[in-house]
Amino acid sequence: MRILDDRAVLRARTSRYGSLERCKSVGPIEAGKCIAEGNSRVFGEVELNDYRFDRVTVADLPMIDRWLQTPAVREWWIDAEGNPADPIGASDLGQRDVDMWIVSWKGLPFAFMQDYDPHACEGHHFAYLPAGSRGIDQFIGDAAMLDRGHGSSFIKARIATLFASGVPAVGTDPHPRNARAIRAYEKSGFVAKEICSTAWGMCLLMEVQAGRS
């Protein structure tokens, strides 16, 4: 989960996770709204098609800012120095570098998610993934939705949509000590590869290949 722009070696992805103003390309799904259609399997105790992904708009920014102030998000949505991430602003929206989403469950918005093209940034730590792959970052902003299986479920729903659009692999890079996030990724099918130091700080590189989630 992170972000950076040109001014600070890409500004630490809006921190560790925000909008890569030039290091991520537009995603394979251009519609303003995306539903995990065709994924009616039950994953844990929730159905994947209960999740909706709406493109972030200016009207969503106050809600995202409130989410960024919650303890669970502040602990890990950080820059390379471990400081709280910069807020996501209007200038981060509507650009070609990253697709940003509000995740809702049965009509309740509760999480932020983004996906990006790691090959759009020279030397990115996921550059080894096949062409067309995506990287993802996300957080649950509504504390009442934590520890209920939603993290792994909406991640599973989103990567199913990406794979259906032809994406061959998806990578993510939680902090090595972020045990909750790592568990969610593992439940979503991600496999841990290695811990490395990146422009966004220490990361555990994890990936999932199409057909293996």
C-alpha atoms as a PDB file:
ATOM      1  CA  MET A   1       0.000   0.000   0.000  1.00  0.00           C
ATOM      2  CA  ARG A   2       1.714   3.289  -0.994  1.00  0.00           C
ATOM      3  CA  ILE A   3       2.178   6.343  -3.302  1.00  0.00           C
ATOM      4  CA  LEU A   4       4.833   8.700  -4.589  1.00  0.00           C
ATOM      5  CA  ASP A   5       5.247  11.435  -7.150  1.00  0.00           C
ATOM      6  CA  ASP A   6       8.106  13.196  -8.928  1.00  0.00           C
ATOM      7  CA  ARG A   7       8.793  15.716  -6.184  1.00  0.00           C
ATOM      8  CA  ALA A   8       9.925  13.192  -3.595  1.00  0.00           C
ATOM      9  CA  VAL A   9      10.942  10.298  -5.739  1.00  0.00           C
ATOM     10  CA  LEU A  10       7.243  10.098  -6.373  1.00  0.00           C
ATOM     11  CA  ARG A  11       6.231  11.282  -2.884  1.00  0.00           C
ATOM     12  CA  ALA A  12       5.908   7.896  -1.263  1.00  0.00           C
ATOM     13  CA  ARG A  13       2.672   6.989  -2.987  1.00  0.00           C
ATOM     14  CA  THR A  14       0.577   9.633  -1.280  1.00  0.00           C
ATOM     15  CA  SER A  15       2.606   8.217   1.422  1.00  0.00           C
ATOM     16  CA  ARG A  16       3.091   4.569   1.475  1.00  0.00           C
ATOM     17  CA  TYR A  17      -0.065   4.254  -0.429  1.00  0.00           C
ATOM     18  CA  GLY A  18      -1.923   6.842  -2.407  1.00  0.00           C
ATOM     19  CA  SER A  19      -1.717   7.980  -5.980  1.00  0.00           C
ATOM     20  CA  LEU A  20       1.336   7.487  -8.120  1.00  0.00           C
ATOM     21  CA  GLU A  21       1.056  10.591 -10.224  1.00  0.00           C
ATOM     22  CA  ARG A  22       3.387   9.268 -12.880  1.00  0.00           C
ATOM     23  CA  CYS A  23       4.525   5.831 -11.811  1.00  0.00           C
ATOM     24  CA  LYS A  24       1.284   3.954 -12.387  1.00  0.00           C
ATOM     25  CA  SER A  25      -0.783   3.677 -15.518  1.00  0.00           C
ATOM     26  CA  VAL A  26      -4.488   3.525 -16.020  1.00  0.00           C
ATOM     27  CA  GLY A  27      -6.006   0.197 -15.107  1.00  0.00           C
ATOM     28  CA  PRO A  28      -7.608  -2.281 -17.452  1.00  0.00           C
ATOM     29  CA  ILE A  29     -11.120  -1.416 -16.288  1.00  0.00           C
ATOM     30  CA  GLU A  30     -12.180   2.071 -17.335  1.00  0.00           C
ATOM     31  CA  ALA A  31     -15.757   2.106 -16.121  1.00  0.00           C
ATOM     32  CA  GLY A  32     -16.477   4.505 -13.297  1.00  0.00           C
ATOM     33  CA  LYS A  33     -18.120   1.720 -11.332  1.00  0.00           C
ATOM     34  CA  CYS A  34     -17.133  -1.896 -11.068  1.00  0.00           C
ATOM     35  CA  ILE A  35     -18.945  -4.791  -9.469  1.00  0.00           C
ATOM     36  CA  ALA A  36     -17.347  -8.178  -8.940  1.00  0.00           C
ATOM     37  CA  GLU A  37     -19.830  -9.784 -11.291  1.00  0.00           C
ATOM     38  CA  GLY A  38     -19.871 -13.487 -11.862  1.00  0.00           C
ATOM     39  CA  ASN A  39     -18.244 -14.209  -8.511  1.00  0.00           C
ATOM     40  CA  SER A  40     -21.197 -15.506  -6.536  1.00  0.00           C
ATOM     41  CA  ARG A  41     -19.172 -18.133  -4.712  1.00  0.00           C
ATOM     42  CA  VAL A  42     -19.263 -17.898  -0.954  1.00  0.00           C
ATOM     43  CA  PHE A  43     -15.840 -16.906   0.410  1.00  0.00           C
ATOM     44  CA  GLY A  44     -15.841 -17.473   4.163  1.00  0.00           C
ATOM     45  CA  GLU A  45     -19.246 -16.218   5.244  1.00  0.00           C
ATOM     46  CA  VAL A  46     -19.678 -13.452   2.682  1.00  0.00           C
ATOM     47  CA  GLU A  47     -20.479 -13.575  -1.019  1.00  0.00           C
ATOM     48  CA  LEU A  48     -17.951 -11.925  -3.291  1.00  0.00           C
ATOM     49  CA  ASN A  49     -20.669 -10.256  -5.330  1.00  0.00           C
ATOM     50  CA  ASP A  50     -21.811  -8.360  -2.210  1.00  0.00           C
ATOM     51  CA  TYR A  51     -18.854  -5.997  -2.796  1.00  0.00           C
ATOM     52  CA  ARG A  52     -19.032  -2.944  -5.016  1.00  0.00           C
ATOM     53  CA  PHE A  53     -16.094  -0.859  -6.248  1.00  0.00           C
ATOM     54  CA  ASP A  54     -16.881   2.777  -7.095  1.00  0.00           C
ATOM     55  CA  ARG A  55     -14.261   5.096  -8.502  1.00  0.00           C
ATOM     56  CA  VAL A  56     -13.156   7.670  -5.904  1.00  0.00           C
ATOM     57  CA  THR A  57     -14.569  11.178  -6.419  1.00  0.00           C
ATOM     58  CA  VAL A  58     -13.964  14.521  -4.698  1.00  0.00           C
ATOM     59  CA  ALA A  59     -17.096  13.901  -2.622  1.00  0.00           C
ATOM     60  CA  ASP A  60     -15.392  10.834  -1.087  1.00  0.00           C
ATOM     61  CA  LEU A  61     -12.303  12.695   0.143  1.00  0.00           C
ATOM     62  CA  PRO A  62     -13.672  13.797   3.561  1.00  0.00           C
ATOM     63  CA  MET A  63     -14.660  10.198   4.286  1.00  0.00           C
ATOM     64  CA  ILE A  64     -11.237   8.910   3.237  1.00  0.00           C
ATOM     65  CA  ASP A  65      -9.580  11.561   5.410  1.00  0.00           C
ATOM     66  CA  ARG A  66     -11.609  10.360   8.414  1.00  0.00           C
ATOM     67  CA  TRP A  67     -10.563   6.805   7.674  1.00  0.00           C
ATOM     68  CA  LEU A  68      -6.908   7.861   7.573  1.00  0.00           C
ATOM     69  CA  GLN A  69      -7.223   9.098  11.169  1.00  0.00           C
ATOM     70  CA  THR A  70      -8.307   5.730  12.581  1.00  0.00           C
ATOM     71  CA  PRO A  71      -5.648   3.871  14.607  1.00  0.00           C
ATOM     72  CA  ALA A  72      -5.565   0.765  12.424  1.00  0.00           C
ATOM     73  CA  VAL A  73      -4.968   2.835   9.279  1.00  0.00           C
ATOM     74  CA  ARG A  74      -2.527   5.343  10.807  1.00  0.00           C
ATOM     75  CA  GLU A  75      -0.311   2.521  12.019  1.00  0.00           C
ATOM     76  CA  TRP A  76       0.473   1.257   8.517  1.00  0.00           C
ATOM     77  CA  TRP A  77      -0.537   3.942   5.963  1.00  0.00           C
ATOM     78  CA  ILE A  78       2.839   5.633   6.312  1.00  0.00           C
ATOM     79  CA  ASP A  79       5.695   7.049   4.280  1.00  0.00           C
ATOM     80  CA  ALA A  80       9.192   5.595   3.947  1.00  0.00           C
ATOM     81  CA  GLU A  81      10.267   7.302   7.188  1.00  0.00           C
ATOM     82  CA  GLY A  82       7.345   5.864   9.131  1.00  0.00           C
ATOM     83  CA  ASN A  83       5.419   9.136   9.303  1.00  0.00           C
ATOM     84  CA  PRO A  84       1.644   9.358   8.652  1.00  0.00           C
ATOM     85  CA  ALA A  85       0.802   9.449   4.977  1.00  0.00           C
ATOM     86  CA  ASP A  86      -0.251  12.628   3.231  1.00  0.00           C
ATOM     87  CA  PRO A  87      -4.013  12.855   2.716  1.00  0.00           C
ATOM     88  CA  ILE A  88      -5.438  11.905  -0.651  1.00  0.00           C
ATOM     89  CA  GLY A  89      -6.434  15.135  -2.405  1.00  0.00           C
ATOM     90  CA  ALA A  90      -8.410  16.243  -5.426  1.00  0.00           C
ATOM     91  CA  SER A  91      -5.201  16.449  -7.473  1.00  0.00           C
ATOM     92  CA  ASP A  92      -4.759  12.689  -6.998  1.00  0.00           C
ATOM     93  CA  LEU A  93      -8.051  11.904  -8.736  1.00  0.00           C
ATOM     94  CA  GLY A  94      -8.871  11.505 -12.388  1.00  0.00           C
ATOM     95  CA  GLN A  95      -5.295  10.815 -13.445  1.00  0.00           C
ATOM     96  CA  ARG A  96      -3.927   8.078 -15.638  1.00  0.00           C
ATOM     97  CA  ASP A  97      -1.518   6.606 -13.130  1.00  0.00           C
ATOM     98  CA  VAL A  98      -3.742   4.720 -10.715  1.00  0.00           C
ATOM     99  CA  ASP A  99      -7.304   3.440 -10.345  1.00  0.00           C
ATOM    100  CA  MET A 100      -8.688   4.356  -6.914  1.00  0.00           C
ATOM    101  CA  TRP A 101     -11.840   2.786  -5.466  1.00  0.00           C
ATOM    102  CA  ILE A 102     -14.272   3.071  -2.587  1.00  0.00           C
ATOM    103  CA  VAL A 103     -15.238  -0.452  -1.531  1.00  0.00           C
ATOM    104  CA  SER A 104     -18.777  -1.012  -0.257  1.00  0.00           C
ATOM    105  CA  TRP A 105     -20.437  -4.088   1.219  1.00  0.00           C
ATOM    106  CA  LYS A 106     -24.195  -4.310   0.751  1.00  0.00           C
ATOM    107  CA  GLY A 107     -24.284  -0.556   0.191  1.00  0.00           C
ATOM    108  CA  LEU A 108     -22.017   0.376   3.116  1.00  0.00           C
ATOM    109  CA  PRO A 109     -18.746   2.111   2.120  1.00  0.00           C
ATOM    110  CA  PHE A 110     -15.963   0.873   4.386  1.00  0.00           C
ATOM    111  CA  ALA A 111     -12.621   0.614   2.564  1.00  0.00           C
ATOM    112  CA  PHE A 112     -10.242   2.279   0.124  1.00  0.00           C
ATOM    113  CA  MET A 113      -8.431   0.361  -2.614  1.00  0.00           C
ATOM    114  CA  GLN A 114      -6.167   1.183  -5.547  1.00  0.00           C
ATOM    115  CA  ASP A 115      -4.535  -0.782  -8.338  1.00  0.00           C
ATOM    116  CA  TYR A 116      -1.668   0.302 -10.589  1.00  0.00           C
ATOM    117  CA  ASP A 117       0.798  -0.777 -13.282  1.00  0.00           C
ATOM    118  CA  PRO A 118       4.203  -1.470 -11.705  1.00  0.00           C
ATOM    119  CA  HIS A 119       5.889  -1.369 -15.118  1.00  0.00           C
ATOM    120  CA  ALA A 120       5.031   2.326 -15.459  1.00  0.00           C
ATOM    121  CA  CYS A 121       7.694   3.139 -12.843  1.00  0.00           C
ATOM    122  CA  GLU A 122      11.287   2.373 -13.765  1.00  0.00           C
ATOM    123  CA  GLY A 123      12.921   0.072 -11.251  1.00  0.00           C
ATOM    124  CA  HIS A 124       9.720  -0.735  -9.408  1.00  0.00           C
ATOM    125  CA  HIS A 125      10.061  -3.776  -7.138  1.00  0.00           C
ATOM    126  CA  PHE A 126       7.248  -5.567  -9.039  1.00  0.00           C
ATOM    127  CA  ALA A 127       8.815  -4.950 -12.446  1.00  0.00           C
ATOM    128  CA  TYR A 128       9.624  -8.673 -12.633  1.00  0.00           C
ATOM    129  CA  LEU A 129       5.930  -9.551 -12.906  1.00  0.00           C
ATOM    130  CA  PRO A 130       4.593 -10.248 -16.430  1.00  0.00           C
ATOM    131  CA  ALA A 131       3.517  -7.329 -18.611  1.00  0.00           C
ATOM    132  CA  GLY A 132      -0.047  -6.316 -17.817  1.00  0.00           C
ATOM    133  CA  SER A 133       0.245  -7.199 -14.124  1.00  0.00           C
ATOM    134  CA  ARG A 134      -1.148  -4.911 -11.426  1.00  0.00           C
ATOM    135  CA  GLY A 135      -0.097  -3.887  -7.945  1.00  0.00           C
ATOM    136  CA  ILE A 136      -2.696  -3.264  -5.242  1.00  0.00           C
ATOM    137  CA  ASP A 137      -2.924  -1.287  -1.985  1.00  0.00           C
ATOM    138  CA  GLN A 138      -5.899  -0.955   0.339  1.00  0.00           C
ATOM    139  CA  PHE A 139      -7.151  -0.327   3.850  1.00  0.00           C
ATOM    140  CA  ILE A 140     -10.365  -0.783   5.823  1.00  0.00           C
ATOM    141  CA  GLY A 141     -11.464   2.597   7.174  1.00  0.00           C
ATOM    142  CA  ASP A 142     -14.525   1.531   9.146  1.00  0.00           C
ATOM    143  CA  ALA A 143     -13.146  -0.069  12.305  1.00  0.00           C
ATOM    144  CA  ALA A 144     -16.394  -1.990  12.832  1.00  0.00           C
ATOM    145  CA  MET A 145     -15.587  -3.973   9.676  1.00  0.00           C
ATOM    146  CA  LEU A 146     -12.183  -5.191  10.886  1.00  0.00           C
ATOM    147  CA  ASP A 147     -11.579  -8.836  11.809  1.00  0.00           C
ATOM    148  CA  ARG A 148     -14.770 -10.016  10.093  1.00  0.00           C
ATOM    149  CA  GLY A 149     -13.246 -11.532   6.977  1.00  0.00           C
ATOM    150  CA  HIS A 150     -13.946  -8.521   4.757  1.00  0.00           C
ATOM    151  CA  GLY A 151     -10.331  -7.721   3.941  1.00  0.00           C
ATOM    152  CA  SER A 152      -9.536 -11.041   2.309  1.00  0.00           C
ATOM    153  CA  SER A 153     -12.983 -11.168   0.701  1.00  0.00           C
ATOM    154  CA  PHE A 154     -12.992  -7.826  -1.081  1.00  0.00           C
ATOM    155  CA  ILE A 155      -9.379  -8.339  -2.154  1.00  0.00           C
ATOM    156  CA  LYS A 156     -10.428 -11.711  -3.599  1.00  0.00           C
ATOM    157  CA  ALA A 157     -13.348 -10.030  -5.387  1.00  0.00           C
ATOM    158  CA  ARG A 158     -11.161  -7.331  -6.900  1.00  0.00           C
ATOM    159  CA  ILE A 159      -8.393  -9.626  -8.116  1.00  0.00           C
ATOM    160  CA  ALA A 160     -11.042 -11.909  -9.657  1.00  0.00           C
ATOM    161  CA  THR A 161     -12.216  -8.899 -11.680  1.00  0.00           C
ATOM    162  CA  LEU A 162      -8.641  -8.050 -12.676  1.00  0.00           C
ATOM    163  CA  PHE A 163      -7.940 -11.617 -13.752  1.00  0.00           C
ATOM    164  CA  ALA A 164     -11.185 -11.679 -15.743  1.00  0.00           C
ATOM    165  CA  SER A 165      -9.958  -8.590 -17.608  1.00  0.00           C
ATOM    166  CA  GLY A 166      -6.745 -10.379 -18.631  1.00  0.00           C
ATOM    167  CA  VAL A 167      -4.332  -9.355 -15.858  1.00  0.00           C
ATOM    168  CA  PRO A 168      -1.786 -12.196 -15.500  1.00  0.00           C
ATOM    169  CA  ALA A 169      -0.577 -11.482 -11.943  1.00  0.00           C
ATOM    170  CA  VAL A 170      -1.151  -9.144  -9.011  1.00  0.00           C
ATOM    171  CA  GLY A 171       1.434  -7.998  -6.481  1.00  0.00           C
ATOM    172  CA  THR A 172       1.117  -6.329  -3.097  1.00  0.00           C
ATOM    173  CA  ASP A 173       3.692  -5.097  -0.607  1.00  0.00           C
ATOM    174  CA  PRO A 174       2.597  -4.854   3.053  1.00  0.00           C
ATOM    175  CA  HIS A 175       5.007  -3.887   5.793  1.00  0.00           C
ATOM    176  CA  PRO A 176       6.652  -7.089   7.090  1.00  0.00           C
ATOM    177  CA  ARG A 177       5.201  -6.471  10.572  1.00  0.00           C
ATOM    178  CA  ASN A 178       1.641  -5.849   9.386  1.00  0.00           C
ATOM    179  CA  ALA A 179       0.374  -9.284  10.393  1.00  0.00           C
ATOM    180  CA  ARG A 180      -3.322  -8.500   9.826  1.00  0.00           C
ATOM    181  CA  ALA A 181      -2.724  -7.432   6.228  1.00  0.00           C
ATOM    182  CA  ILE A 182      -0.439 -10.378   5.511  1.00  0.00           C
ATOM    183  CA  ARG A 183      -3.080 -12.818   6.802  1.00  0.00           C
ATOM    184  CA  ALA A 184      -5.713 -11.221   4.589  1.00  0.00           C
ATOM    185  CA  TYR A 185      -3.477 -11.466   1.528  1.00  0.00           C
ATOM    186  CA  GLU A 186      -2.642 -15.091   2.243  1.00  0.00           C
ATOM    187  CA  LYS A 187      -6.354 -15.911   2.529  1.00  0.00           C
ATOM    188  CA  SER A 188      -6.841 -14.168  -0.814  1.00  0.00           C
ATOM    189  CA  GLY A 189      -4.311 -16.463  -2.484  1.00  0.00           C
ATOM    190  CA  PHE A 190      -1.152 -14.338  -2.292  1.00  0.00           C
ATOM    191  CA  VAL A 191       2.189 -16.035  -1.711  1.00  0.00           C
ATOM    192  CA  ALA A 192       5.000 -14.280   0.177  1.00  0.00           C
ATOM    193  CA  LYS A 193       8.225 -13.973  -1.833  1.00  0.00           C
ATOM    194  CA  GLU A 194      10.795 -11.851  -0.021  1.00  0.00           C
ATOM    195  CA  ILE A 195      11.335  -8.893   2.292  1.00  0.00           C
ATOM    196  CA  CYS A 196      13.108  -5.981   0.663  1.00  0.00           C
ATOM    197  CA  SER A 197      13.876  -2.293   1.118  1.00  0.00           C
ATOM    198  CA  THR A 198      12.113  -0.056  -1.420  1.00  0.00           C
ATOM    199  CA  ALA A 199      11.539   3.641  -2.075  1.00  0.00           C
ATOM    200  CA  TRP A 200       8.435   3.242   0.113  1.00  0.00           C
ATOM    201  CA  GLY A 201      10.202   1.555   3.013  1.00  0.00           C
ATOM    202  CA  MET A 202      10.502  -2.096   4.021  1.00  0.00           C
ATOM    203  CA  CYS A 203       8.040  -4.380   2.238  1.00  0.00           C
ATOM    204  CA  LEU A 204       7.078  -8.016   2.096  1.00  0.00           C
ATOM    205  CA  LEU A 205       6.611  -8.764  -1.582  1.00  0.00           C
ATOM    206  CA  MET A 206       3.586 -10.979  -2.205  1.00  0.00           C
ATOM    207  CA  GLU A 207       2.013 -12.100  -5.459  1.00  0.00           C
ATOM    208  CA  VAL A 208      -0.788 -14.166  -6.915  1.00  0.00           C
ATOM    209  CA  GLN A 209      -0.932 -15.554 -10.451  1.00  0.00           C
ATOM    210  CA  ALA A 210      -4.070 -15.841 -12.554  1.00  0.00           C
ATOM    211  CA  GLY A 211      -5.529 -19.321 -12.186  1.00  0.00           C
ATOM    212  CA  ARG A 212      -3.870 -19.894  -8.816  1.00  0.00           C
ATOM    213  CA  SER A 213      -5.952 -17.758  -6.438  1.00  0.00           C
END
